[in-house]
Amino acid sequence: MFAAHLAVGLAIKAAQPKAPAWAILTGAFLPDLFWIVFAGLGVEPSSDAVFFDGWSHSVASIVVQAALFALCFHQCGRAVTSAVALAVLSHLPLDALIHPNPLELWPHAPLVLGHPSWSWAQTNLALHKSRYWWIQLAIVVSLLAFYLRRAKDWLPINLVGASCILVLGVHLLV
């Protein structure tokens, strides 16, 4: 879902131009950044047999990450703070659609967000691409269309176009 996280970051940036791009894009990936650190430390095992990411990807964890990260930008005003929080929170709906396991409400919670078996999405469709891939493509294209419409008014069109091509390229390569 890397391309979708990039695309949502660009869309949020287009909606709130005053927000720092680095903060919005970092926020969109923040749970994944925590997951990389936690997996490296062995806190969240990443093997297929014992995969767990409740500390970085549970609903409660992402809400806390969003609040704390947004708090770092409170001096930039409510609009920027909200945009940063939204960037982190966007991780929930995006990952809920394609995550390998349902997202837990809190680490080790019996309650989950999502279906316990998403194997249907791994079925290949046209061009030997999975349903996951096609769902992500639809999300990426929609978000990039929003970004293109909003950002072209205050960013050079070649930069906007290059950003869209880069994000689409990331999706096509994954």
N, C-alpha and C. Protein backbone atom coordinates (compact mmCIF):
# COMPACT_ATOMS: atom_id res chain seq x y z
N MET A 1 0.83 -1.19 0.00
CA MET A 1 0.00 0.00 0.00
C MET A 1 0.87 1.25 0.00
N PHE A 2 2.13 1.11 -0.34
CA PHE A 2 3.03 2.27 -0.31
C PHE A 2 2.53 3.40 -1.18
N ALA A 3 2.11 3.09 -2.40
CA ALA A 3 1.66 4.14 -3.32
C ALA A 3 0.43 4.84 -2.77
N ALA A 4 -0.47 4.11 -2.16
CA ALA A 4 -1.68 4.74 -1.61
C ALA A 4 -1.33 5.67 -0.45
N HIS A 5 -0.37 5.28 0.37
CA HIS A 5 0.05 6.17 1.46
C HIS A 5 0.69 7.44 0.89
N LEU A 6 1.49 7.29 -0.15
CA LEU A 6 2.06 8.47 -0.82
C LEU A 6 0.96 9.34 -1.41
N ALA A 7 0.00 8.71 -2.08
CA ALA A 7 -1.08 9.45 -2.73
C ALA A 7 -1.94 10.19 -1.72
N VAL A 8 -2.25 9.56 -0.60
CA VAL A 8 -3.05 10.26 0.41
C VAL A 8 -2.26 11.42 1.00
N GLY A 9 -0.97 11.25 1.16
CA GLY A 9 -0.14 12.36 1.63
C GLY A 9 -0.16 13.54 0.67
N LEU A 10 -0.07 13.26 -0.62
CA LEU A 10 -0.13 14.34 -1.61
C LEU A 10 -1.50 15.00 -1.62
N ALA A 11 -2.56 14.20 -1.49
CA ALA A 11 -3.91 14.76 -1.48
C ALA A 11 -4.11 15.66 -0.26
N ILE A 12 -3.63 15.24 0.89
CA ILE A 12 -3.75 16.06 2.09
C ILE A 12 -2.93 17.34 1.95
N LYS A 13 -1.75 17.22 1.39
CA LYS A 13 -0.92 18.40 1.16
C LYS A 13 -1.63 19.37 0.21
N ALA A 14 -2.28 18.85 -0.82
CA ALA A 14 -3.01 19.71 -1.75
C ALA A 14 -4.18 20.41 -1.07
N ALA A 15 -4.81 19.72 -0.13
CA ALA A 15 -5.94 20.31 0.59
C ALA A 15 -5.48 21.34 1.62
N GLN A 16 -4.27 21.16 2.15
CA GLN A 16 -3.73 22.07 3.16
C GLN A 16 -2.30 22.45 2.78
N PRO A 17 -2.14 23.38 1.83
CA PRO A 17 -0.80 23.74 1.34
C PRO A 17 0.16 24.25 2.40
N LYS A 18 -0.36 24.79 3.52
CA LYS A 18 0.52 25.32 4.57
C LYS A 18 1.21 24.21 5.36
N ALA A 19 0.68 23.01 5.30
CA ALA A 19 1.29 21.90 6.05
C ALA A 19 2.60 21.48 5.37
N PRO A 20 3.64 21.24 6.16
CA PRO A 20 4.91 20.80 5.57
C PRO A 20 4.76 19.43 4.88
N ALA A 21 5.22 19.35 3.65
CA ALA A 21 5.10 18.10 2.90
C ALA A 21 5.77 16.95 3.63
N TRP A 22 6.94 17.20 4.21
CA TRP A 22 7.66 16.13 4.90
C TRP A 22 6.84 15.60 6.08
N ALA A 23 6.11 16.49 6.77
CA ALA A 23 5.32 16.06 7.92
C ALA A 23 4.11 15.24 7.47
N ILE A 24 3.47 15.66 6.41
CA ILE A 24 2.31 14.94 5.89
C ILE A 24 2.73 13.55 5.40
N LEU A 25 3.81 13.49 4.63
CA LEU A 25 4.25 12.19 4.10
C LEU A 25 4.79 11.29 5.20
N THR A 26 5.49 11.85 6.16
CA THR A 26 5.96 11.06 7.30
C THR A 26 4.76 10.54 8.08
N GLY A 27 3.78 11.39 8.30
CA GLY A 27 2.58 10.98 9.02
C GLY A 27 1.85 9.84 8.32
N ALA A 28 1.77 9.91 7.00
CA ALA A 28 1.07 8.86 6.25
C ALA A 28 1.77 7.50 6.41
N PHE A 29 3.07 7.53 6.65
CA PHE A 29 3.84 6.30 6.80
C PHE A 29 4.22 5.98 8.25
N LEU A 30 3.82 6.81 9.20
CA LEU A 30 4.29 6.67 10.58
C LEU A 30 4.07 5.27 11.16
N PRO A 31 2.88 4.66 11.04
CA PRO A 31 2.74 3.30 11.58
C PRO A 31 3.70 2.30 10.94
N ASP A 32 3.97 2.45 9.65
CA ASP A 32 4.93 1.55 9.00
C ASP A 32 6.35 1.80 9.50
N LEU A 33 6.68 3.05 9.78
CA LEU A 33 8.01 3.35 10.33
C LEU A 33 8.17 2.73 11.71
N PHE A 34 7.12 2.84 12.53
CA PHE A 34 7.16 2.18 13.84
C PHE A 34 7.27 0.66 13.66
N TRP A 35 6.54 0.12 12.70
CA TRP A 35 6.58 -1.33 12.47
C TRP A 35 8.00 -1.77 12.10
N ILE A 36 8.68 -1.03 11.27
CA ILE A 36 10.06 -1.38 10.88
C ILE A 36 10.95 -1.42 12.11
N VAL A 37 10.84 -0.42 12.97
CA VAL A 37 11.65 -0.38 14.20
C VAL A 37 11.28 -1.54 15.11
N PHE A 38 9.98 -1.74 15.34
CA PHE A 38 9.53 -2.80 16.23
C PHE A 38 9.89 -4.18 15.70
N ALA A 39 9.78 -4.38 14.39
CA ALA A 39 10.16 -5.67 13.80
C ALA A 39 11.66 -5.89 13.95
N GLY A 40 12.44 -4.85 13.75
CA GLY A 40 13.89 -4.96 13.92
C GLY A 40 14.30 -5.29 15.34
N LEU A 41 13.52 -4.80 16.29
CA LEU A 41 13.80 -5.08 17.70
C LEU A 41 13.19 -6.41 18.17
N GLY A 42 12.40 -7.05 17.32
CA GLY A 42 11.76 -8.31 17.67
C GLY A 42 10.48 -8.15 18.46
N VAL A 43 10.01 -6.91 18.63
CA VAL A 43 8.77 -6.65 19.36
C VAL A 43 7.57 -7.10 18.53
N GLU A 44 7.65 -6.89 17.24
CA GLU A 44 6.59 -7.31 16.33
C GLU A 44 7.17 -8.27 15.30
N PRO A 45 7.05 -9.58 15.56
CA PRO A 45 7.62 -10.57 14.63
C PRO A 45 7.01 -10.43 13.25
N SER A 46 7.84 -10.57 12.25
CA SER A 46 7.37 -10.34 10.89
C SER A 46 7.37 -11.57 10.00
N SER A 47 7.65 -12.74 10.56
CA SER A 47 7.60 -13.94 9.73
C SER A 47 6.15 -14.32 9.48
N ASP A 48 5.89 -15.02 8.39
CA ASP A 48 4.52 -15.41 8.05
C ASP A 48 3.88 -16.25 9.16
N ALA A 49 4.67 -17.07 9.83
CA ALA A 49 4.14 -17.97 10.85
C ALA A 49 3.68 -17.22 12.11
N VAL A 50 4.37 -16.16 12.47
CA VAL A 50 4.05 -15.44 13.70
C VAL A 50 3.97 -13.93 13.47
N PHE A 51 3.33 -13.51 12.41
CA PHE A 51 3.21 -12.09 12.10
C PHE A 51 2.35 -11.39 13.15
N PHE A 52 2.84 -10.26 13.66
CA PHE A 52 2.09 -9.46 14.62
C PHE A 52 2.51 -8.01 14.47
N ASP A 53 1.55 -7.11 14.36
CA ASP A 53 1.89 -5.69 14.28
C ASP A 53 0.92 -4.82 15.08
N GLY A 54 0.42 -5.38 16.17
CA GLY A 54 -0.55 -4.67 16.99
C GLY A 54 -0.03 -3.42 17.68
N TRP A 55 1.27 -3.39 17.98
CA TRP A 55 1.80 -2.20 18.63
C TRP A 55 1.91 -1.04 17.66
N SER A 56 2.17 -1.30 16.41
CA SER A 56 2.31 -0.21 15.43
C SER A 56 1.04 0.03 14.63
N HIS A 57 0.19 -0.99 14.46
CA HIS A 57 -0.93 -0.88 13.55
C HIS A 57 -2.31 -1.10 14.17
N SER A 58 -2.43 -1.18 15.47
CA SER A 58 -3.77 -1.30 16.05
C SER A 58 -4.46 0.07 15.95
N VAL A 59 -5.77 0.05 16.03
CA VAL A 59 -6.53 1.30 15.95
C VAL A 59 -6.08 2.25 17.06
N ALA A 60 -5.98 1.76 18.28
CA ALA A 60 -5.57 2.61 19.41
C ALA A 60 -4.18 3.18 19.20
N SER A 61 -3.26 2.36 18.71
CA SER A 61 -1.89 2.82 18.49
C SER A 61 -1.84 3.92 17.43
N ILE A 62 -2.57 3.74 16.36
CA ILE A 62 -2.55 4.75 15.29
C ILE A 62 -3.20 6.05 15.77
N VAL A 63 -4.25 5.96 16.56
CA VAL A 63 -4.88 7.17 17.10
C VAL A 63 -3.89 7.91 18.02
N VAL A 64 -3.17 7.18 18.85
CA VAL A 64 -2.17 7.80 19.74
C VAL A 64 -1.04 8.40 18.90
N GLN A 65 -0.56 7.68 17.90
CA GLN A 65 0.48 8.21 17.02
C GLN A 65 0.02 9.51 16.37
N ALA A 66 -1.22 9.52 15.88
CA ALA A 66 -1.76 10.71 15.21
C ALA A 66 -1.80 11.90 16.17
N ALA A 67 -2.28 11.66 17.39
CA ALA A 67 -2.39 12.74 18.36
C ALA A 67 -1.02 13.30 18.75
N LEU A 68 -0.08 12.40 19.03
CA LEU A 68 1.25 12.85 19.46
C LEU A 68 2.02 13.53 18.34
N PHE A 69 1.94 12.97 17.13
CA PHE A 69 2.66 13.57 16.00
C PHE A 69 2.04 14.92 15.65
N ALA A 70 0.73 15.01 15.65
CA ALA A 70 0.06 16.28 15.35
C ALA A 70 0.38 17.34 16.40
N LEU A 71 0.50 16.90 17.64
CA LEU A 71 0.83 17.82 18.73
C LEU A 71 2.16 18.55 18.47
N CYS A 72 3.06 17.89 17.77
CA CYS A 72 4.35 18.52 17.43
C CYS A 72 4.17 19.74 16.53
N PHE A 73 3.00 19.87 15.90
CA PHE A 73 2.76 20.96 14.94
C PHE A 73 1.70 21.95 15.43
N HIS A 74 1.38 21.89 16.72
CA HIS A 74 0.30 22.74 17.24
C HIS A 74 0.58 24.23 17.06
N GLN A 75 1.84 24.63 17.02
CA GLN A 75 2.17 26.04 16.84
C GLN A 75 1.94 26.51 15.41
N CYS A 76 1.71 25.56 14.50
CA CYS A 76 1.47 25.92 13.10
C CYS A 76 0.01 26.21 12.82
N GLY A 77 -0.84 26.05 13.83
CA GLY A 77 -2.25 26.33 13.65
C GLY A 77 -3.09 25.07 13.55
N ARG A 78 -4.39 25.26 13.76
CA ARG A 78 -5.32 24.14 13.79
C ARG A 78 -5.39 23.40 12.44
N ALA A 79 -5.36 24.13 11.35
CA ALA A 79 -5.49 23.50 10.02
C ALA A 79 -4.31 22.57 9.74
N VAL A 80 -3.11 23.03 10.05
CA VAL A 80 -1.92 22.20 9.82
C VAL A 80 -1.91 21.02 10.78
N THR A 81 -2.22 21.27 12.04
CA THR A 81 -2.27 20.19 13.04
C THR A 81 -3.27 19.12 12.63
N SER A 82 -4.42 19.55 12.16
CA SER A 82 -5.45 18.60 11.71
C SER A 82 -5.00 17.82 10.49
N ALA A 83 -4.33 18.48 9.57
CA ALA A 83 -3.84 17.80 8.37
C ALA A 83 -2.81 16.73 8.72
N VAL A 84 -1.93 17.05 9.65
CA VAL A 84 -0.92 16.08 10.09
C VAL A 84 -1.58 14.89 10.77
N ALA A 85 -2.55 15.16 11.64
CA ALA A 85 -3.27 14.07 12.30
C ALA A 85 -4.01 13.21 11.28
N LEU A 86 -4.65 13.84 10.32
CA LEU A 86 -5.37 13.11 9.28
C LEU A 86 -4.43 12.22 8.47
N ALA A 87 -3.23 12.70 8.21
CA ALA A 87 -2.26 11.90 7.46
C ALA A 87 -1.97 10.59 8.19
N VAL A 88 -1.76 10.68 9.50
CA VAL A 88 -1.50 9.46 10.28
C VAL A 88 -2.75 8.58 10.32
N LEU A 89 -3.90 9.18 10.59
CA LEU A 89 -5.15 8.43 10.69
C LEU A 89 -5.55 7.77 9.36
N SER A 90 -5.09 8.33 8.25
CA SER A 90 -5.41 7.74 6.94
C SER A 90 -4.88 6.32 6.81
N HIS A 91 -3.92 5.99 7.64
CA HIS A 91 -3.35 4.64 7.61
C HIS A 91 -4.41 3.58 7.94
N LEU A 92 -5.35 3.94 8.80
CA LEU A 92 -6.38 2.97 9.20
C LEU A 92 -7.25 2.50 8.05
N PRO A 93 -7.96 3.38 7.35
CA PRO A 93 -8.80 2.86 6.26
C PRO A 93 -8.02 2.23 5.12
N LEU A 94 -6.84 2.78 4.84
CA LEU A 94 -6.05 2.21 3.75
C LEU A 94 -5.58 0.80 4.09
N ASP A 95 -5.06 0.62 5.29
CA ASP A 95 -4.58 -0.72 5.67
C ASP A 95 -5.72 -1.68 5.97
N ALA A 96 -6.85 -1.18 6.44
CA ALA A 96 -7.98 -2.06 6.72
C ALA A 96 -8.44 -2.78 5.45
N LEU A 97 -8.24 -2.15 4.31
CA LEU A 97 -8.66 -2.74 3.04
C LEU A 97 -7.76 -3.88 2.59
N ILE A 98 -6.46 -3.79 2.88
CA ILE A 98 -5.52 -4.74 2.28
C ILE A 98 -4.56 -5.40 3.27
N HIS A 99 -4.71 -5.12 4.54
CA HIS A 99 -3.76 -5.62 5.53
C HIS A 99 -3.78 -7.15 5.56
N PRO A 100 -2.62 -7.81 5.75
CA PRO A 100 -2.60 -9.28 5.74
C PRO A 100 -3.40 -9.91 6.87
N ASN A 101 -3.52 -9.23 7.99
CA ASN A 101 -4.34 -9.66 9.11
C ASN A 101 -5.28 -8.52 9.46
N PRO A 102 -6.44 -8.82 10.06
CA PRO A 102 -7.31 -7.73 10.49
C PRO A 102 -6.58 -6.83 11.50
N LEU A 103 -6.87 -5.55 11.46
CA LEU A 103 -6.26 -4.62 12.41
C LEU A 103 -6.93 -4.78 13.76
N GLU A 104 -6.13 -4.92 14.79
CA GLU A 104 -6.66 -5.06 16.14
C GLU A 104 -7.11 -3.70 16.66
N LEU A 105 -8.09 -3.69 17.55
CA LEU A 105 -8.51 -2.41 18.13
C LEU A 105 -7.44 -1.87 19.07
N TRP A 106 -6.73 -2.75 19.75
CA TRP A 106 -5.56 -2.42 20.57
C TRP A 106 -4.65 -3.65 20.53
N PRO A 107 -3.38 -3.53 20.92
CA PRO A 107 -2.48 -4.69 20.83
C PRO A 107 -3.02 -5.90 21.59
N HIS A 108 -3.05 -7.02 20.92
CA HIS A 108 -3.53 -8.30 21.44
C HIS A 108 -5.02 -8.31 21.78
N ALA A 109 -5.77 -7.42 21.19
CA ALA A 109 -7.22 -7.34 21.44
C ALA A 109 -7.95 -8.47 20.73
N PRO A 110 -8.98 -8.99 21.33
CA PRO A 110 -9.79 -10.01 20.64
C PRO A 110 -10.67 -9.39 19.56
N LEU A 111 -10.91 -8.09 19.65
CA LEU A 111 -11.72 -7.38 18.65
C LEU A 111 -10.83 -6.86 17.54
N VAL A 112 -11.29 -7.04 16.30
CA VAL A 112 -10.48 -6.63 15.16
C VAL A 112 -11.31 -5.81 14.19
N LEU A 113 -10.63 -5.07 13.36
CA LEU A 113 -11.23 -4.28 12.30
C LEU A 113 -10.86 -4.94 10.98
N GLY A 114 -11.83 -5.50 10.31
CA GLY A 114 -11.56 -6.17 9.05
C GLY A 114 -11.97 -7.62 9.11
N HIS A 115 -11.96 -8.24 7.99
CA HIS A 115 -12.36 -9.64 7.87
C HIS A 115 -11.20 -10.54 8.25
N PRO A 116 -11.44 -11.63 8.99
CA PRO A 116 -10.34 -12.49 9.42
C PRO A 116 -9.63 -13.22 8.28
N SER A 117 -10.24 -13.30 7.12
CA SER A 117 -9.58 -13.97 5.99
C SER A 117 -9.72 -13.12 4.74
N TRP A 118 -8.65 -12.47 4.38
CA TRP A 118 -8.65 -11.64 3.19
C TRP A 118 -8.06 -12.37 1.99
N SER A 119 -8.04 -13.68 2.02
CA SER A 119 -7.42 -14.43 0.93
C SER A 119 -8.11 -14.18 -0.41
N TRP A 120 -9.40 -13.78 -0.38
CA TRP A 120 -10.10 -13.48 -1.63
C TRP A 120 -9.38 -12.40 -2.42
N ALA A 121 -8.73 -11.48 -1.74
CA ALA A 121 -8.08 -10.36 -2.40
C ALA A 121 -6.77 -10.75 -3.06
N GLN A 122 -6.28 -11.94 -2.75
CA GLN A 122 -5.03 -12.39 -3.37
C GLN A 122 -5.26 -13.08 -4.70
N THR A 123 -6.52 -13.28 -5.07
CA THR A 123 -6.85 -13.91 -6.34
C THR A 123 -6.42 -13.00 -7.48
N ASN A 124 -5.74 -13.57 -8.45
CA ASN A 124 -5.31 -12.79 -9.60
C ASN A 124 -6.46 -12.55 -10.56
N LEU A 125 -6.50 -11.33 -11.07
CA LEU A 125 -7.49 -10.94 -12.06
C LEU A 125 -6.76 -10.59 -13.35
N ALA A 126 -7.19 -9.58 -14.02
CA ALA A 126 -6.59 -9.15 -15.28
C ALA A 126 -5.11 -8.80 -15.10
N LEU A 127 -4.34 -9.08 -16.12
CA LEU A 127 -2.90 -8.79 -16.16
C LEU A 127 -2.13 -9.48 -15.04
N HIS A 128 -2.66 -10.57 -14.52
CA HIS A 128 -2.04 -11.34 -13.44
C HIS A 128 -1.80 -10.50 -12.19
N LYS A 129 -2.68 -9.53 -11.98
CA LYS A 129 -2.59 -8.68 -10.79
C LYS A 129 -3.73 -9.06 -9.84
N SER A 130 -3.44 -9.02 -8.54
CA SER A 130 -4.42 -9.43 -7.53
C SER A 130 -5.50 -8.37 -7.34
N ARG A 131 -6.56 -8.80 -6.68
CA ARG A 131 -7.60 -7.84 -6.32
C ARG A 131 -7.03 -6.72 -5.45
N TYR A 132 -6.09 -7.06 -4.56
CA TYR A 132 -5.42 -6.03 -3.75
C TYR A 132 -4.85 -4.94 -4.66
N TRP A 133 -4.13 -5.38 -5.68
CA TRP A 133 -3.46 -4.46 -6.59
C TRP A 133 -4.47 -3.55 -7.26
N TRP A 134 -5.58 -4.09 -7.73
CA TRP A 134 -6.59 -3.30 -8.43
C TRP A 134 -7.29 -2.34 -7.47
N ILE A 135 -7.56 -2.78 -6.24
CA ILE A 135 -8.17 -1.90 -5.24
C ILE A 135 -7.23 -0.73 -4.97
N GLN A 136 -5.96 -1.03 -4.78
CA GLN A 136 -4.98 0.02 -4.52
C GLN A 136 -4.87 0.98 -5.70
N LEU A 137 -4.91 0.45 -6.92
CA LEU A 137 -4.83 1.31 -8.10
C LEU A 137 -6.00 2.29 -8.13
N ALA A 138 -7.20 1.81 -7.84
CA ALA A 138 -8.37 2.69 -7.82
C ALA A 138 -8.22 3.79 -6.78
N ILE A 139 -7.70 3.43 -5.61
CA ILE A 139 -7.48 4.42 -4.55
C ILE A 139 -6.42 5.43 -4.96
N VAL A 140 -5.32 4.95 -5.50
CA VAL A 140 -4.22 5.82 -5.91
C VAL A 140 -4.67 6.79 -6.99
N VAL A 141 -5.36 6.30 -8.01
CA VAL A 141 -5.81 7.16 -9.10
C VAL A 141 -6.78 8.22 -8.58
N SER A 142 -7.70 7.84 -7.71
CA SER A 142 -8.66 8.81 -7.15
C SER A 142 -7.95 9.89 -6.35
N LEU A 143 -7.03 9.49 -5.50
CA LEU A 143 -6.31 10.46 -4.68
C LEU A 143 -5.41 11.36 -5.52
N LEU A 144 -4.77 10.80 -6.53
CA LEU A 144 -3.92 11.61 -7.40
C LEU A 144 -4.74 12.58 -8.24
N ALA A 145 -5.94 12.19 -8.63
CA ALA A 145 -6.82 13.11 -9.37
C ALA A 145 -7.16 14.32 -8.50
N PHE A 146 -7.46 14.07 -7.23
CA PHE A 146 -7.72 15.17 -6.29
C PHE A 146 -6.48 16.05 -6.16
N TYR A 147 -5.34 15.43 -5.96
CA TYR A 147 -4.08 16.17 -5.84
C TYR A 147 -3.83 17.03 -7.08
N LEU A 148 -4.01 16.45 -8.23
CA LEU A 148 -3.77 17.16 -9.49
C LEU A 148 -4.69 18.38 -9.60
N ARG A 149 -5.97 18.19 -9.30
CA ARG A 149 -6.92 19.30 -9.38
C ARG A 149 -6.58 20.44 -8.42
N ARG A 150 -6.16 20.10 -7.21
CA ARG A 150 -5.92 21.13 -6.20
C ARG A 150 -4.52 21.73 -6.26
N ALA A 151 -3.51 20.90 -6.51
CA ALA A 151 -2.12 21.37 -6.42
C ALA A 151 -1.68 22.17 -7.64
N LYS A 152 -2.32 21.96 -8.77
CA LYS A 152 -1.89 22.67 -9.99
C LYS A 152 -2.09 24.18 -9.88
N ASP A 153 -2.89 24.62 -8.92
CA ASP A 153 -3.12 26.05 -8.73
C ASP A 153 -1.97 26.75 -8.00
N TRP A 154 -1.16 26.01 -7.27
CA TRP A 154 -0.08 26.65 -6.50
C TRP A 154 1.27 25.96 -6.64
N LEU A 155 1.33 24.87 -7.39
CA LEU A 155 2.60 24.21 -7.68
C LEU A 155 2.81 24.19 -9.19
N PRO A 156 4.06 24.21 -9.64
CA PRO A 156 4.30 24.08 -11.09
C PRO A 156 3.72 22.75 -11.60
N ILE A 157 3.07 22.79 -12.74
CA ILE A 157 2.39 21.61 -13.27
C ILE A 157 3.38 20.47 -13.54
N ASN A 158 4.62 20.80 -13.90
CA ASN A 158 5.59 19.73 -14.13
C ASN A 158 5.93 18.99 -12.83
N LEU A 159 5.94 19.69 -11.71
CA LEU A 159 6.19 19.05 -10.42
C LEU A 159 5.00 18.19 -10.01
N VAL A 160 3.80 18.69 -10.23
CA VAL A 160 2.60 17.93 -9.93
C VAL A 160 2.56 16.66 -10.78
N GLY A 161 2.82 16.82 -12.07
CA GLY A 161 2.83 15.67 -12.98
C GLY A 161 3.89 14.65 -12.61
N ALA A 162 5.09 15.14 -12.27
CA ALA A 162 6.17 14.23 -11.88
C ALA A 162 5.82 13.47 -10.61
N SER A 163 5.16 14.14 -9.66
CA SER A 163 4.74 13.47 -8.44
C SER A 163 3.75 12.36 -8.74
N CYS A 164 2.80 12.65 -9.62
CA CYS A 164 1.80 11.64 -10.00
C CYS A 164 2.45 10.45 -10.69
N ILE A 165 3.37 10.72 -11.59
CA ILE A 165 4.05 9.64 -12.31
C ILE A 165 4.88 8.80 -11.34
N LEU A 166 5.54 9.45 -10.40
CA LEU A 166 6.34 8.73 -9.41
C LEU A 166 5.47 7.80 -8.57
N VAL A 167 4.34 8.29 -8.09
CA VAL A 167 3.46 7.48 -7.25
C VAL A 167 2.87 6.32 -8.06
N LEU A 168 2.44 6.59 -9.27
CA LEU A 168 1.93 5.51 -10.12
C LEU A 168 3.03 4.49 -10.42
N GLY A 169 4.24 4.98 -10.64
CA GLY A 169 5.37 4.07 -10.87
C GLY A 169 5.64 3.17 -9.69
N VAL A 170 5.56 3.73 -8.48
CA VAL A 170 5.74 2.92 -7.27
C VAL A 170 4.69 1.82 -7.24
N HIS A 171 3.45 2.17 -7.55
CA HIS A 171 2.40 1.15 -7.53
C HIS A 171 2.62 0.08 -8.61
N LEU A 172 3.01 0.51 -9.79
CA LEU A 172 3.22 -0.46 -10.88
C LEU A 172 4.37 -1.41 -10.60
N LEU A 173 5.36 -0.96 -9.85
CA LEU A 173 6.52 -1.80 -9.56
C LEU A 173 6.29 -2.76 -8.41
N VAL A 174 5.29 -2.49 -7.57
CA VAL A 174 5.06 -3.35 -6.40
C VAL A 174 4.09 -4.46 -6.74
